[in-house]
C-alpha cells in the first residue's frame, strides 16, 4: 500500500493525484479530515504500508511520525520505501539514514510550486538517492509533478530545496515591500505586476501573485508564510562554515514581520 502522511495544503492534493493515478493511496493525518481515504488512527494506516510519502510540517512531526507517537518504523512491518517530502534541515535528513533500518529505501523528495502546482499535478521535485532508486520512483512522482531534478545522493535534494526556498523567501520579502511602496506612491498593483513579469524584476511570487494561495498572507506560525520562516532556518542550519548569514537572517525577519495584504 502507498500512504501519504500530512494531508494539508500540499499533501491533500498530492494524495488526490496519487489516487487519480490508480494507486489506491491512503492518507494519514492527526487532524480528522472527514474523508474516508484519510485516516487519523495510525493502526488503520501502518499494517499494510509499503511506500510512505511524508509531507508533515517539520522535524518534530517527522520524528513523531517515524519514531515516536506514530512510530511507523516500529508499527509498519512492510514499510520498504520512504519519500521525505517536507522541507527540513539537510543535516537532519542525512542523519535519518543511520536511524532507519538499511532495508528501507530513503529518498529525499521535497517539492516546489505551492498548492496551485500540487492541484495541477505540476510540482517540481528535488531528489536525493541512488540513480536506480530515483529511476524507480519517477513513474510514481510523475502522477504529482512535471519536473524532476536528481541532485545527488540522499540529502542532496533537501540541500537544493532549502537553497531554492531561501531565494523564494527573498522574492517574497522584496515583492511585498515593492507592492507596499507602490501603494504609497499611487501605482496600480496589477499594472506594476504585469510590468515586473516582463522586466528585470521578474520573480516567481510576482508572476504568480494572483494564483499563489499565500501571496497576500501575513505571518502566522501555522501558515505558509510561517513555513517560509522555518525554511530559511533550515537553510541557515546547513550554511557553510564561516558563511555570512546577515542577509538570510534579514530576509527571515522581514518574512516574520509580514502583515496581510488586501
C-alpha atoms as a PDB file:
ATOM      1  CA  UNK A   1       0.000   0.000   0.000  1.00  0.00           C
ATOM      2  CA  UNK A   2       1.068   3.567  -0.735  1.00  0.00           C
ATOM      3  CA  UNK A   3       0.423   6.037   2.061  1.00  0.00           C
ATOM      4  CA  UNK A   4       0.816   9.787   2.427  1.00  0.00           C
ATOM      5  CA  UNK A   5       1.162  11.371   5.859  1.00  0.00           C
ATOM      6  CA  UNK A   6       0.336  15.046   6.318  1.00  0.00           C
ATOM      7  CA  UNK A   7      -2.810  15.867   4.347  1.00  0.00           C
ATOM      8  CA  UNK A   8      -2.655  19.655   4.485  1.00  0.00           C
ATOM      9  CA  UNK A   9      -2.407  22.262   1.735  1.00  0.00           C
ATOM     10  CA  UNK A  10       0.213  20.300  -0.180  1.00  0.00           C
ATOM     11  CA  UNK A  11      -0.365  16.754   0.984  1.00  0.00           C
ATOM     12  CA  UNK A  12      -4.056  16.591   0.242  1.00  0.00           C
ATOM     13  CA  UNK A  13      -3.804  17.435  -3.492  1.00  0.00           C
ATOM     14  CA  UNK A  14      -0.754  15.181  -3.746  1.00  0.00           C
ATOM     15  CA  UNK A  15      -2.812  12.336  -2.282  1.00  0.00           C
ATOM     16  CA  UNK A  16      -5.618  13.102  -4.747  1.00  0.00           C
ATOM     17  CA  UNK A  17      -3.131  12.905  -7.627  1.00  0.00           C
ATOM     18  CA  UNK A  18      -1.833   9.538  -6.433  1.00  0.00           C
ATOM     19  CA  UNK A  19      -5.362   8.192  -6.122  1.00  0.00           C
ATOM     20  CA  UNK A  20      -6.383   9.563  -9.512  1.00  0.00           C
ATOM     21  CA  UNK A  21      -3.380   7.698 -10.906  1.00  0.00           C
ATOM     22  CA  UNK A  22      -4.883   4.416  -9.734  1.00  0.00           C
ATOM     23  CA  UNK A  23      -2.580   3.716  -6.812  1.00  0.00           C
ATOM     24  CA  UNK A  24      -5.299   3.372  -4.180  1.00  0.00           C
ATOM     25  CA  UNK A  25      -3.176   5.510  -1.848  1.00  0.00           C
ATOM     26  CA  UNK A  26      -4.395   6.175   1.692  1.00  0.00           C
ATOM     27  CA  UNK A  27      -3.766   9.350   3.687  1.00  0.00           C
ATOM     28  CA  UNK A  28      -2.914   9.789   7.343  1.00  0.00           C
ATOM     29  CA  UNK A  29      -3.361  12.998   9.297  1.00  0.00           C
ATOM     30  CA  UNK A  30      -3.608  13.703  13.013  1.00  0.00           C
ATOM     31  CA  UNK A  31      -6.439  16.151  12.217  1.00  0.00           C
ATOM     32  CA  UNK A  32      -9.663  14.442  11.167  1.00  0.00           C
ATOM     33  CA  UNK A  33     -10.313  15.482   7.545  1.00  0.00           C
ATOM     34  CA  UNK A  34     -13.745  13.834   7.393  1.00  0.00           C
ATOM     35  CA  UNK A  35     -12.725  11.869   4.293  1.00  0.00           C
ATOM     36  CA  UNK A  36     -12.883   8.084   4.104  1.00  0.00           C
ATOM     37  CA  UNK A  37      -9.476   7.607   2.462  1.00  0.00           C
ATOM     38  CA  UNK A  38      -7.732   9.836   5.040  1.00  0.00           C
ATOM     39  CA  UNK A  39      -7.447   8.171   8.443  1.00  0.00           C
ATOM     40  CA  UNK A  40      -6.461   9.542  11.831  1.00  0.00           C
ATOM     41  CA  UNK A  41      -5.700   6.210  13.505  1.00  0.00           C
ATOM     42  CA  UNK A  42      -2.173   5.096  12.706  1.00  0.00           C
ATOM     43  CA  UNK A  43      -3.154   1.439  13.100  1.00  0.00           C
ATOM     44  CA  UNK A  44      -5.592   1.871  10.212  1.00  0.00           C
ATOM     45  CA  UNK A  45      -2.623   3.092   8.154  1.00  0.00           C
ATOM     46  CA  UNK A  46       0.528   1.262   9.234  1.00  0.00           C
ATOM     47  CA  UNK A  47      -0.018  -2.512   8.880  1.00  0.00           C
ATOM     48  CA  UNK A  48      -0.233  -2.618   5.054  1.00  0.00           C
ATOM     49  CA  UNK A  49       2.036   0.383   4.387  1.00  0.00           C
ATOM     50  CA  UNK A  50       4.850  -0.286   1.899  1.00  0.00           C
ATOM     51  CA  UNK A  51       5.657   3.160   0.427  1.00  0.00           C
ATOM     52  CA  UNK A  52       5.359   6.295   2.536  1.00  0.00           C
ATOM     53  CA  UNK A  53       5.270   9.922   1.414  1.00  0.00           C
ATOM     54  CA  UNK A  54       5.986  12.105   4.440  1.00  0.00           C
ATOM     55  CA  UNK A  55       4.562  15.610   3.950  1.00  0.00           C
ATOM     56  CA  UNK A  56       4.357  16.636   7.608  1.00  0.00           C
ATOM     57  CA  UNK A  57       5.334  20.136   8.696  1.00  0.00           C
ATOM     58  CA  UNK A  58       8.755  19.893  10.346  1.00  0.00           C
ATOM     59  CA  UNK A  59      11.406  17.738  12.013  1.00  0.00           C
ATOM     60  CA  UNK A  60       9.390  17.326  15.222  1.00  0.00           C
ATOM     61  CA  UNK A  61       6.411  15.980  13.284  1.00  0.00           C
ATOM     62  CA  UNK A  62       8.731  13.776  11.217  1.00  0.00           C
ATOM     63  CA  UNK A  63      10.182  12.300  14.402  1.00  0.00           C
ATOM     64  CA  UNK A  64       6.672  11.727  15.756  1.00  0.00           C
ATOM     65  CA  UNK A  65       5.612  10.032  12.523  1.00  0.00           C
ATOM     66  CA  UNK A  66       8.618   7.769  12.110  1.00  0.00           C
ATOM     67  CA  UNK A  67       9.904   7.092  15.629  1.00  0.00           C
ATOM     68  CA  UNK A  68       7.767   8.474  18.421  1.00  0.00           C
ATOM     69  CA  UNK A  69       3.992   8.901  18.638  1.00  0.00           C
ATOM     70  CA  UNK A  70       3.014   7.150  15.399  1.00  0.00           C
ATOM     71  CA  UNK A  71       6.299   5.198  15.192  1.00  0.00           C
ATOM     72  CA  UNK A  72       5.847   3.893  11.656  1.00  0.00           C
ATOM     73  CA  UNK A  73       9.336   2.380  11.796  1.00  0.00           C
ATOM     74  CA  UNK A  74       8.018   0.114  14.527  1.00  0.00           C
ATOM     75  CA  UNK A  75       4.360  -0.258  13.506  1.00  0.00           C
ATOM     76  CA  UNK A  76       4.639  -0.714   9.716  1.00  0.00           C
ATOM     77  CA  UNK A  77       6.292  -4.128   9.204  1.00  0.00           C
ATOM     78  CA  UNK A  78       6.040  -3.972   5.401  1.00  0.00           C
ATOM     79  CA  UNK A  79       7.487  -0.475   5.017  1.00  0.00           C
ATOM     80  CA  UNK A  80      10.112  -0.632   2.259  1.00  0.00           C
ATOM     81  CA  UNK A  81      10.427   2.932   0.902  1.00  0.00           C
ATOM     82  CA  UNK A  82      10.119   6.430   2.367  1.00  0.00           C
ATOM     83  CA  UNK A  83       9.951   9.701   0.461  1.00  0.00           C
ATOM     84  CA  UNK A  84      10.828  12.681   2.674  1.00  0.00           C
ATOM     85  CA  UNK A  85       8.848  15.494   1.031  1.00  0.00           C
ATOM     86  CA  UNK A  86       8.795  18.016   3.894  1.00  0.00           C
ATOM     87  CA  UNK A  87      11.326  20.855   3.784  1.00  0.00           C
ATOM     88  CA  UNK A  88      13.759  20.107   6.615  1.00  0.00           C
ATOM     89  CA  UNK A  89      17.341  20.789   7.602  1.00  0.00           C
ATOM     90  CA  UNK A  90      19.676  18.814   5.305  1.00  0.00           C
ATOM     91  CA  UNK A  91      21.663  17.788   8.404  1.00  0.00           C
ATOM     92  CA  UNK A  92      18.543  16.285   9.957  1.00  0.00           C
ATOM     93  CA  UNK A  93      17.644  14.478   6.723  1.00  0.00           C
ATOM     94  CA  UNK A  94      21.100  12.950   6.254  1.00  0.00           C
ATOM     95  CA  UNK A  95      21.057  11.758   9.866  1.00  0.00           C
ATOM     96  CA  UNK A  96      17.853   9.828   9.147  1.00  0.00           C
ATOM     97  CA  UNK A  97      19.844   7.224   7.213  1.00  0.00           C
ATOM     98  CA  UNK A  98      21.512   5.990  10.415  1.00  0.00           C
ATOM     99  CA  UNK A  99      18.181   5.997  12.306  1.00  0.00           C
ATOM    100  CA  UNK A 100      16.163   3.978   9.794  1.00  0.00           C
ATOM    101  CA  UNK A 101      16.815   0.287   9.026  1.00  0.00           C
ATOM    102  CA  UNK A 102      19.015  -0.309   5.992  1.00  0.00           C
ATOM    103  CA  UNK A 103      16.390  -2.391   4.175  1.00  0.00           C
ATOM    104  CA  UNK A 104      14.140   0.691   3.853  1.00  0.00           C
ATOM    105  CA  UNK A 105      14.923   2.816   0.801  1.00  0.00           C
ATOM    106  CA  UNK A 106      15.187   6.514   1.599  1.00  0.00           C
ATOM    107  CA  UNK A 107      14.628   9.247  -0.993  1.00  0.00           C
ATOM    108  CA  UNK A 108      14.516  12.912  -0.152  1.00  0.00           C
ATOM    109  CA  UNK A 109      11.929  14.419  -2.467  1.00  0.00           C
ATOM    110  CA  UNK A 110      10.998  17.943  -1.373  1.00  0.00           C
ATOM    111  CA  UNK A 111       8.785  19.718  -3.871  1.00  0.00           C
ATOM    112  CA  UNK A 112       8.233  23.247  -5.121  1.00  0.00           C
ATOM    113  CA  UNK A 113       5.361  25.080  -6.764  1.00  0.00           C
ATOM    114  CA  UNK A 114       2.941  25.763  -3.880  1.00  0.00           C
ATOM    115  CA  UNK A 115      -0.608  24.467  -3.592  1.00  0.00           C
ATOM    116  CA  UNK A 116      -1.554  25.582  -7.106  1.00  0.00           C
ATOM    117  CA  UNK A 117       1.112  23.311  -8.621  1.00  0.00           C
ATOM    118  CA  UNK A 118       0.075  20.410  -6.392  1.00  0.00           C
ATOM    119  CA  UNK A 119      -3.529  20.808  -7.533  1.00  0.00           C
ATOM    120  CA  UNK A 120      -2.436  20.959 -11.191  1.00  0.00           C
ATOM    121  CA  UNK A 121      -0.097  17.934 -10.872  1.00  0.00           C
ATOM    122  CA  UNK A 122       2.752  20.277 -11.846  1.00  0.00           C
ATOM    123  CA  UNK A 123       5.140  20.092  -8.883  1.00  0.00           C
ATOM    124  CA  UNK A 124       8.912  20.248  -9.211  1.00  0.00           C
ATOM    125  CA  UNK A 125      10.752  17.612  -7.177  1.00  0.00           C
ATOM    126  CA  UNK A 126      14.352  17.931  -5.957  1.00  0.00           C
ATOM    127  CA  UNK A 127      15.600  14.389  -5.427  1.00  0.00           C
ATOM    128  CA  UNK A 128      18.342  12.710  -3.451  1.00  0.00           C
ATOM    129  CA  UNK A 129      19.124   8.999  -3.671  1.00  0.00           C
ATOM    130  CA  UNK A 130      20.765   6.403  -5.876  1.00  0.00           C
ATOM    131  CA  UNK A 131      20.145   6.561  -9.608  1.00  0.00           C
ATOM    132  CA  UNK A 132      18.356   3.209  -9.517  1.00  0.00           C
ATOM    133  CA  UNK A 133      16.056   4.313  -6.696  1.00  0.00           C
ATOM    134  CA  UNK A 134      15.262   7.608  -8.441  1.00  0.00           C
ATOM    135  CA  UNK A 135      14.559   5.898 -11.768  1.00  0.00           C
ATOM    136  CA  UNK A 136      12.198   3.509  -9.995  1.00  0.00           C
ATOM    137  CA  UNK A 137      10.435   6.414  -8.268  1.00  0.00           C
ATOM    138  CA  UNK A 138       9.851   8.699 -11.269  1.00  0.00           C
ATOM    139  CA  UNK A 139       6.665   6.993 -12.570  1.00  0.00           C
ATOM    140  CA  UNK A 140       5.032   7.493  -9.171  1.00  0.00           C
ATOM    141  CA  UNK A 141       6.275  11.059  -8.789  1.00  0.00           C
ATOM    142  CA  UNK A 142       5.041  11.821 -12.311  1.00  0.00           C
ATOM    143  CA  UNK A 143       1.477  11.434 -11.066  1.00  0.00           C
ATOM    144  CA  UNK A 144       2.056  14.565  -8.959  1.00  0.00           C
ATOM    145  CA  UNK A 145       4.669  16.576 -10.824  1.00  0.00           C
ATOM    146  CA  UNK A 146       6.252  17.592 -14.096  1.00  0.00           C
ATOM    147  CA  UNK A 147       9.859  18.406 -13.220  1.00  0.00           C
ATOM    148  CA  UNK A 148      12.341  16.018 -11.580  1.00  0.00           C
ATOM    149  CA  UNK A 149      15.833  17.124 -10.576  1.00  0.00           C
ATOM    150  CA  UNK A 150      18.147  14.377  -9.317  1.00  0.00           C
ATOM    151  CA  UNK A 151      20.634  16.407  -7.286  1.00  0.00           C
ATOM    152  CA  UNK A 152      22.833  13.595  -5.959  1.00  0.00           C
ATOM    153  CA  UNK A 153      22.950  11.138  -3.077  1.00  0.00           C
ATOM    154  CA  UNK A 154      20.410  11.032  -0.253  1.00  0.00           C
ATOM    155  CA  UNK A 155      20.213  14.501   1.304  1.00  0.00           C
ATOM    156  CA  UNK A 156      21.252  16.418  -1.815  1.00  0.00           C
ATOM    157  CA  UNK A 157      17.649  17.053  -2.827  1.00  0.00           C
ATOM    158  CA  UNK A 158      16.968  18.674   0.539  1.00  0.00           C
ATOM    159  CA  UNK A 159      20.117  20.776   0.313  1.00  0.00           C
ATOM    160  CA  UNK A 160      18.944  22.078  -3.058  1.00  0.00           C
ATOM    161  CA  UNK A 161      15.428  22.696  -1.732  1.00  0.00           C
ATOM    162  CA  UNK A 162      16.457  24.864   1.209  1.00  0.00           C
ATOM    163  CA  UNK A 163      18.627  26.986  -1.077  1.00  0.00           C
ATOM    164  CA  UNK A 164      15.748  27.328  -3.539  1.00  0.00           C
ATOM    165  CA  UNK A 165      13.382  28.285  -0.724  1.00  0.00           C
ATOM    166  CA  UNK A 166      15.788  30.841   0.688  1.00  0.00           C
ATOM    167  CA  UNK A 167      15.687  32.517  -2.718  1.00  0.00           C
ATOM    168  CA  UNK A 168      11.870  32.213  -2.796  1.00  0.00           C
ATOM    169  CA  UNK A 169      11.750  33.852   0.648  1.00  0.00           C
ATOM    170  CA  UNK A 170      13.836  36.755  -0.625  1.00  0.00           C
ATOM    171  CA  UNK A 171      11.457  37.167  -3.587  1.00  0.00           C
ATOM    172  CA  UNK A 172       8.509  37.122  -1.211  1.00  0.00           C
ATOM    173  CA  UNK A 173      10.040  39.712   1.111  1.00  0.00           C
ATOM    174  CA  UNK A 174      11.056  42.111  -1.644  1.00  0.00           C
ATOM    175  CA  UNK A 175       7.922  41.715  -3.767  1.00  0.00           C
ATOM    176  CA  UNK A 176       5.721  42.511  -0.802  1.00  0.00           C
ATOM    177  CA  UNK A 177       7.908  45.515   0.086  1.00  0.00           C
ATOM    178  CA  UNK A 178       7.741  46.787  -3.508  1.00  0.00           C
ATOM    179  CA  UNK A 179       3.940  46.476  -3.553  1.00  0.00           C
ATOM    180  CA  UNK A 180       3.641  48.359  -0.261  1.00  0.00           C
ATOM    181  CA  UNK A 181       5.811  51.153  -1.617  1.00  0.00           C
ATOM    182  CA  UNK A 182       3.794  51.175  -4.827  1.00  0.00           C
ATOM    183  CA  UNK A 183       0.599  51.638  -2.809  1.00  0.00           C
ATOM    184  CA  UNK A 184       2.135  54.613  -1.028  1.00  0.00           C
ATOM    185  CA  UNK A 185       3.024  56.271  -4.331  1.00  0.00           C
ATOM    186  CA  UNK A 186      -0.313  55.564  -6.025  1.00  0.00           C
ATOM    187  CA  UNK A 187       0.829  52.962  -8.545  1.00  0.00           C
ATOM    188  CA  UNK A 188      -1.744  50.398  -9.672  1.00  0.00           C
ATOM    189  CA  UNK A 189      -0.817  46.941  -8.321  1.00  0.00           C
ATOM    190  CA  UNK A 190      -1.968  44.953 -11.347  1.00  0.00           C
ATOM    191  CA  UNK A 191      -0.157  47.202 -13.799  1.00  0.00           C
ATOM    192  CA  UNK A 192       3.031  47.002 -11.741  1.00  0.00           C
ATOM    193  CA  UNK A 193       2.853  43.202 -11.504  1.00  0.00           C
ATOM    194  CA  UNK A 194       2.390  42.989 -15.287  1.00  0.00           C
ATOM    195  CA  UNK A 195       5.446  45.196 -15.704  1.00  0.00           C
ATOM    196  CA  UNK A 196       7.545  43.109 -13.309  1.00  0.00           C
ATOM    197  CA  UNK A 197       6.533  39.899 -15.090  1.00  0.00           C
ATOM    198  CA  UNK A 198       8.086  41.150 -18.358  1.00  0.00           C
ATOM    199  CA  UNK A 199      11.017  43.063 -16.888  1.00  0.00           C
ATOM    200  CA  UNK A 200      14.243  42.602 -14.959  1.00  0.00           C
ATOM    201  CA  UNK A 201      12.463  42.333 -11.601  1.00  0.00           C
ATOM    202  CA  UNK A 202      10.587  39.182 -12.681  1.00  0.00           C
ATOM    203  CA  UNK A 203      10.260  36.547  -9.982  1.00  0.00           C
ATOM    204  CA  UNK A 204       8.049  33.604  -9.120  1.00  0.00           C
ATOM    205  CA  UNK A 205       5.904  35.319  -6.494  1.00  0.00           C
ATOM    206  CA  UNK A 206       5.246  38.437  -8.553  1.00  0.00           C
ATOM    207  CA  UNK A 207       4.434  36.442 -11.696  1.00  0.00           C
ATOM    208  CA  UNK A 208       2.066  34.153  -9.807  1.00  0.00           C
ATOM    209  CA  UNK A 209       0.690  36.703  -7.358  1.00  0.00           C
ATOM    210  CA  UNK A 210      -2.960  36.048  -8.205  1.00  0.00           C
ATOM    211  CA  UNK A 211      -2.661  32.253  -8.150  1.00  0.00           C
ATOM    212  CA  UNK A 212      -0.251  31.557  -5.268  1.00  0.00           C
ATOM    213  CA  UNK A 213      -2.508  30.966  -2.288  1.00  0.00           C
ATOM    214  CA  UNK A 214      -0.301  32.662   0.309  1.00  0.00           C
ATOM    215  CA  UNK A 215       0.811  35.694  -1.735  1.00  0.00           C
ATOM    216  CA  UNK A 216      -1.234  38.152   0.346  1.00  0.00           C
ATOM    217  CA  UNK A 217      -0.922  36.424   3.722  1.00  0.00           C
ATOM    218  CA  UNK A 218       0.700  37.829   6.803  1.00  0.00           C
ATOM    219  CA  UNK A 219       2.840  35.762   9.112  1.00  0.00           C
ATOM    220  CA  UNK A 220       1.223  33.095  11.275  1.00  0.00           C
ATOM    221  CA  UNK A 221       3.075  30.159  12.825  1.00  0.00           C
ATOM    222  CA  UNK A 222       0.890  27.599  11.053  1.00  0.00           C
ATOM    223  CA  UNK A 223       0.538  29.124   7.579  1.00  0.00           C
ATOM    224  CA  UNK A 224       2.788  29.070   4.512  1.00  0.00           C
ATOM    225  CA  UNK A 225       4.447  32.377   5.396  1.00  0.00           C
ATOM    226  CA  UNK A 226       5.347  30.777   8.709  1.00  0.00           C
ATOM    227  CA  UNK A 227       6.742  27.799   6.819  1.00  0.00           C
ATOM    228  CA  UNK A 228       8.986  30.145   4.809  1.00  0.00           C
ATOM    229  CA  UNK A 229      10.474  31.400   8.083  1.00  0.00           C
ATOM    230  CA  UNK A 230      11.115  27.759   9.035  1.00  0.00           C
ATOM    231  CA  UNK A 231      12.618  27.015   5.629  1.00  0.00           C
ATOM    232  CA  UNK A 232      15.143  29.851   5.907  1.00  0.00           C
ATOM    233  CA  UNK A 233      16.078  28.441   9.315  1.00  0.00           C
ATOM    234  CA  UNK A 234      16.653  25.052   7.654  1.00  0.00           C
ATOM    235  CA  UNK A 235      18.968  26.681   5.107  1.00  0.00           C
ATOM    236  CA  UNK A 236      20.848  28.522   7.848  1.00  0.00           C
ATOM    237  CA  UNK A 237      21.289  25.269   9.760  1.00  0.00           C
ATOM    238  CA  UNK A 238      23.190  23.889   6.766  1.00  0.00           C
ATOM    239  CA  UNK A 239      25.119  27.077   5.930  1.00  0.00           C
ATOM    240  CA  UNK A 240      28.798  26.579   5.016  1.00  0.00           C
ATOM    241  CA  UNK A 241      31.211  27.178   7.850  1.00  0.00           C
ATOM    242  CA  UNK A 242      32.020  30.872   8.095  1.00  0.00           C
ATOM    243  CA  UNK A 243      29.271  31.907   5.682  1.00  0.00           C
ATOM    244  CA  UNK A 244      27.853  35.431   6.033  1.00  0.00           C
ATOM    245  CA  UNK A 245      24.331  34.879   7.368  1.00  0.00           C
ATOM    246  CA  UNK A 246      23.320  38.533   7.701  1.00  0.00           C
ATOM    247  CA  UNK A 247      21.202  38.745   4.539  1.00  0.00           C
ATOM    248  CA  UNK A 248      19.295  35.465   5.059  1.00  0.00           C
ATOM    249  CA  UNK A 249      18.530  36.455   8.654  1.00  0.00           C
ATOM    250  CA  UNK A 250      17.264  39.855   7.498  1.00  0.00           C
ATOM    251  CA  UNK A 251      15.014  38.095   4.968  1.00  0.00           C
ATOM    252  CA  UNK A 252      13.751  35.757   7.685  1.00  0.00           C
ATOM    253  CA  UNK A 253      12.976  38.687   9.998  1.00  0.00           C
ATOM    254  CA  UNK A 254      11.192  40.529   7.162  1.00  0.00           C
ATOM    255  CA  UNK A 255       9.023  37.497   6.342  1.00  0.00           C
ATOM    256  CA  UNK A 256       8.241  37.074  10.029  1.00  0.00           C
ATOM    257  CA  UNK A 257       7.004  40.685  10.169  1.00  0.00           C
ATOM    258  CA  UNK A 258       4.677  40.473   7.129  1.00  0.00           C
ATOM    259  CA  UNK A 259       1.107  41.667   7.625  1.00  0.00           C
ATOM    260  CA  UNK A 260      -1.859  40.534   5.497  1.00  0.00           C
ATOM    261  CA  UNK A 261      -2.248  42.424   2.239  1.00  0.00           C
ATOM    262  CA  UNK A 262      -5.739  43.266   0.879  1.00  0.00           C
END
